[in-house]
Every structure is written in structure tokens, then in C-alpha cells.
Amino acid sequence: MKRIQLIGLGLIVLCGLISQYTNATQNQFMVWLLAIGAVAGILMVISEYFSRR
């Protein structure tokens, strides 16, 4: 895996852990922030697939 993919994977895991083990789900803004962070991580992970073509 490339560095950007590892950063994206870390971002996905971090957002998931924050949502599971904190009270972040009680605040609408934090829910959106975590969702956007996870989507950004997914885009980082799959960026290698789109950059090859």
C-alpha cells in the first residue's frame, strides 16, 4: 500500500473509533464531521485505482 492509502485507512479507523468510544454521536455536527472524514479516507484508499487509468 502507498502512503496515501495508509493515511486514508488510518482516517477511516480513527473516525470509527471516535464514533464508537466517545459521545460524538450526540452532536449533529460531529456526526457529519466523522462521516466526511470517513468518506475522505475511503477516497484516499481507492485513489490508486483511479490514478492508474
N, C-alpha and C. Protein backbone atom coordinates (compact mmCIF):
# COMPACT_ATOMS: atom_id res chain seq x y z
N MET A 1 0.83 -1.18 0.00
CA MET A 1 0.00 0.00 0.00
C MET A 1 0.88 1.25 0.00
N LYS A 2 0.40 2.25 -0.67
CA LYS A 2 1.13 3.52 -0.69
C LYS A 2 0.80 4.33 0.56
N ARG A 3 1.59 5.38 0.74
CA ARG A 3 1.44 6.19 1.95
C ARG A 3 0.06 6.84 2.04
N ILE A 4 -0.46 7.34 0.91
CA ILE A 4 -1.78 8.00 0.94
C ILE A 4 -2.87 6.99 1.30
N GLN A 5 -2.70 5.75 0.87
CA GLN A 5 -3.69 4.73 1.21
C GLN A 5 -3.63 4.39 2.69
N LEU A 6 -2.44 4.34 3.25
CA LEU A 6 -2.31 4.06 4.68
C LEU A 6 -2.89 5.19 5.52
N ILE A 7 -2.67 6.43 5.07
CA ILE A 7 -3.26 7.57 5.78
C ILE A 7 -4.78 7.49 5.71
N GLY A 8 -5.33 7.15 4.54
CA GLY A 8 -6.77 7.01 4.38
C GLY A 8 -7.33 5.91 5.27
N LEU A 9 -6.62 4.79 5.33
CA LEU A 9 -7.07 3.69 6.19
C LEU A 9 -7.04 4.11 7.66
N GLY A 10 -6.01 4.83 8.04
CA GLY A 10 -5.94 5.34 9.42
C GLY A 10 -7.07 6.30 9.72
N LEU A 11 -7.42 7.14 8.74
CA LEU A 11 -8.51 8.09 8.93
C LEU A 11 -9.85 7.36 9.10
N ILE A 12 -10.07 6.32 8.34
CA ILE A 12 -11.29 5.53 8.47
C ILE A 12 -11.37 4.89 9.86
N VAL A 13 -10.28 4.28 10.27
CA VAL A 13 -10.25 3.61 11.58
C VAL A 13 -10.41 4.62 12.71
N LEU A 14 -9.74 5.77 12.59
CA LEU A 14 -9.84 6.81 13.62
C LEU A 14 -11.27 7.33 13.75
N CYS A 15 -11.92 7.60 12.63
CA CYS A 15 -13.31 8.08 12.68
C CYS A 15 -14.23 7.03 13.28
N GLY A 16 -13.99 5.78 12.94
CA GLY A 16 -14.80 4.71 13.51
C GLY A 16 -14.61 4.57 15.01
N LEU A 17 -13.37 4.65 15.46
CA LEU A 17 -13.10 4.55 16.89
C LEU A 17 -13.69 5.72 17.66
N ILE A 18 -13.57 6.92 17.11
CA ILE A 18 -14.14 8.09 17.78
C ILE A 18 -15.65 7.96 17.90
N SER A 19 -16.29 7.47 16.84
CA SER A 19 -17.75 7.36 16.89
C SER A 19 -18.22 6.26 17.84
N GLN A 20 -17.39 5.24 18.04
CA GLN A 20 -17.79 4.14 18.92
C GLN A 20 -17.54 4.42 20.39
N TYR A 21 -16.43 5.08 20.70
CA TYR A 21 -16.00 5.17 22.09
C TYR A 21 -16.12 6.56 22.71
N THR A 22 -16.74 7.50 22.02
CA THR A 22 -16.96 8.82 22.61
C THR A 22 -18.43 9.20 22.48
N ASN A 23 -18.77 10.36 22.97
CA ASN A 23 -20.13 10.87 22.88
C ASN A 23 -20.33 11.72 21.62
N ALA A 24 -19.52 11.51 20.60
CA ALA A 24 -19.58 12.33 19.40
C ALA A 24 -20.90 12.15 18.65
N THR A 25 -21.57 11.03 18.84
CA THR A 25 -22.81 10.79 18.12
C THR A 25 -23.98 11.59 18.69
N GLN A 26 -23.77 12.25 19.82
CA GLN A 26 -24.83 13.08 20.40
C GLN A 26 -24.93 14.44 19.73
N ASN A 27 -23.89 14.83 19.00
CA ASN A 27 -23.83 16.14 18.37
C ASN A 27 -23.92 15.98 16.85
N GLN A 28 -24.88 16.63 16.23
CA GLN A 28 -25.09 16.50 14.79
C GLN A 28 -23.87 16.93 13.98
N PHE A 29 -23.21 18.01 14.40
CA PHE A 29 -22.02 18.49 13.69
C PHE A 29 -20.90 17.45 13.72
N MET A 30 -20.71 16.80 14.85
CA MET A 30 -19.65 15.78 14.95
C MET A 30 -19.97 14.56 14.10
N VAL A 31 -21.24 14.21 14.01
CA VAL A 31 -21.63 13.08 13.16
C VAL A 31 -21.26 13.38 11.72
N TRP A 32 -21.58 14.58 11.25
CA TRP A 32 -21.25 14.95 9.88
C TRP A 32 -19.74 15.03 9.68
N LEU A 33 -19.02 15.54 10.66
CA LEU A 33 -17.57 15.65 10.55
C LEU A 33 -16.92 14.27 10.46
N LEU A 34 -17.39 13.33 11.27
CA LEU A 34 -16.86 11.97 11.22
C LEU A 34 -17.21 11.28 9.92
N ALA A 35 -18.42 11.52 9.41
CA ALA A 35 -18.83 10.91 8.14
C ALA A 35 -17.99 11.46 6.98
N ILE A 36 -17.75 12.75 6.98
CA ILE A 36 -16.92 13.34 5.93
C ILE A 36 -15.48 12.84 6.03
N GLY A 37 -14.99 12.68 7.24
CA GLY A 37 -13.65 12.14 7.44
C GLY A 37 -13.52 10.72 6.93
N ALA A 38 -14.54 9.90 7.18
CA ALA A 38 -14.52 8.52 6.71
C ALA A 38 -14.59 8.46 5.19
N VAL A 39 -15.41 9.30 4.58
CA VAL A 39 -15.51 9.33 3.12
C VAL A 39 -14.19 9.79 2.50
N ALA A 40 -13.55 10.77 3.12
CA ALA A 40 -12.25 11.22 2.64
C ALA A 40 -11.22 10.09 2.72
N GLY A 41 -11.29 9.32 3.79
CA GLY A 41 -10.40 8.17 3.92
C GLY A 41 -10.65 7.12 2.86
N ILE A 42 -11.91 6.87 2.55
CA ILE A 42 -12.25 5.91 1.50
C ILE A 42 -11.71 6.39 0.16
N LEU A 43 -11.87 7.67 -0.12
CA LEU A 43 -11.35 8.22 -1.38
C LEU A 43 -9.83 8.10 -1.45
N MET A 44 -9.16 8.29 -0.33
CA MET A 44 -7.70 8.14 -0.31
C MET A 44 -7.29 6.69 -0.60
N VAL A 45 -8.03 5.74 -0.05
CA VAL A 45 -7.70 4.34 -0.23
C VAL A 45 -7.91 3.92 -1.69
N ILE A 46 -8.99 4.37 -2.30
CA ILE A 46 -9.26 3.93 -3.67
C ILE A 46 -8.64 4.85 -4.72
N SER A 47 -7.90 5.86 -4.30
CA SER A 47 -7.29 6.79 -5.25
C SER A 47 -6.30 6.08 -6.17
N GLU A 48 -5.62 5.06 -5.69
CA GLU A 48 -4.66 4.33 -6.51
C GLU A 48 -5.35 3.66 -7.70
N TYR A 49 -6.55 3.20 -7.51
CA TYR A 49 -7.29 2.55 -8.59
C TYR A 49 -7.57 3.55 -9.72
N PHE A 50 -7.93 4.78 -9.37
CA PHE A 50 -8.25 5.77 -10.39
C PHE A 50 -7.02 6.42 -11.00
N SER A 51 -5.92 6.45 -10.28
CA SER A 51 -4.71 7.09 -10.81
C SER A 51 -3.99 6.21 -11.83
N ARG A 52 -4.23 4.92 -11.83
CA ARG A 52 -3.59 4.01 -12.78
C ARG A 52 -4.19 4.15 -14.17
N ARG A 53 -5.42 4.54 -14.28
CA ARG A 53 -6.10 4.54 -15.58
C ARG A 53 -6.00 5.84 -16.28
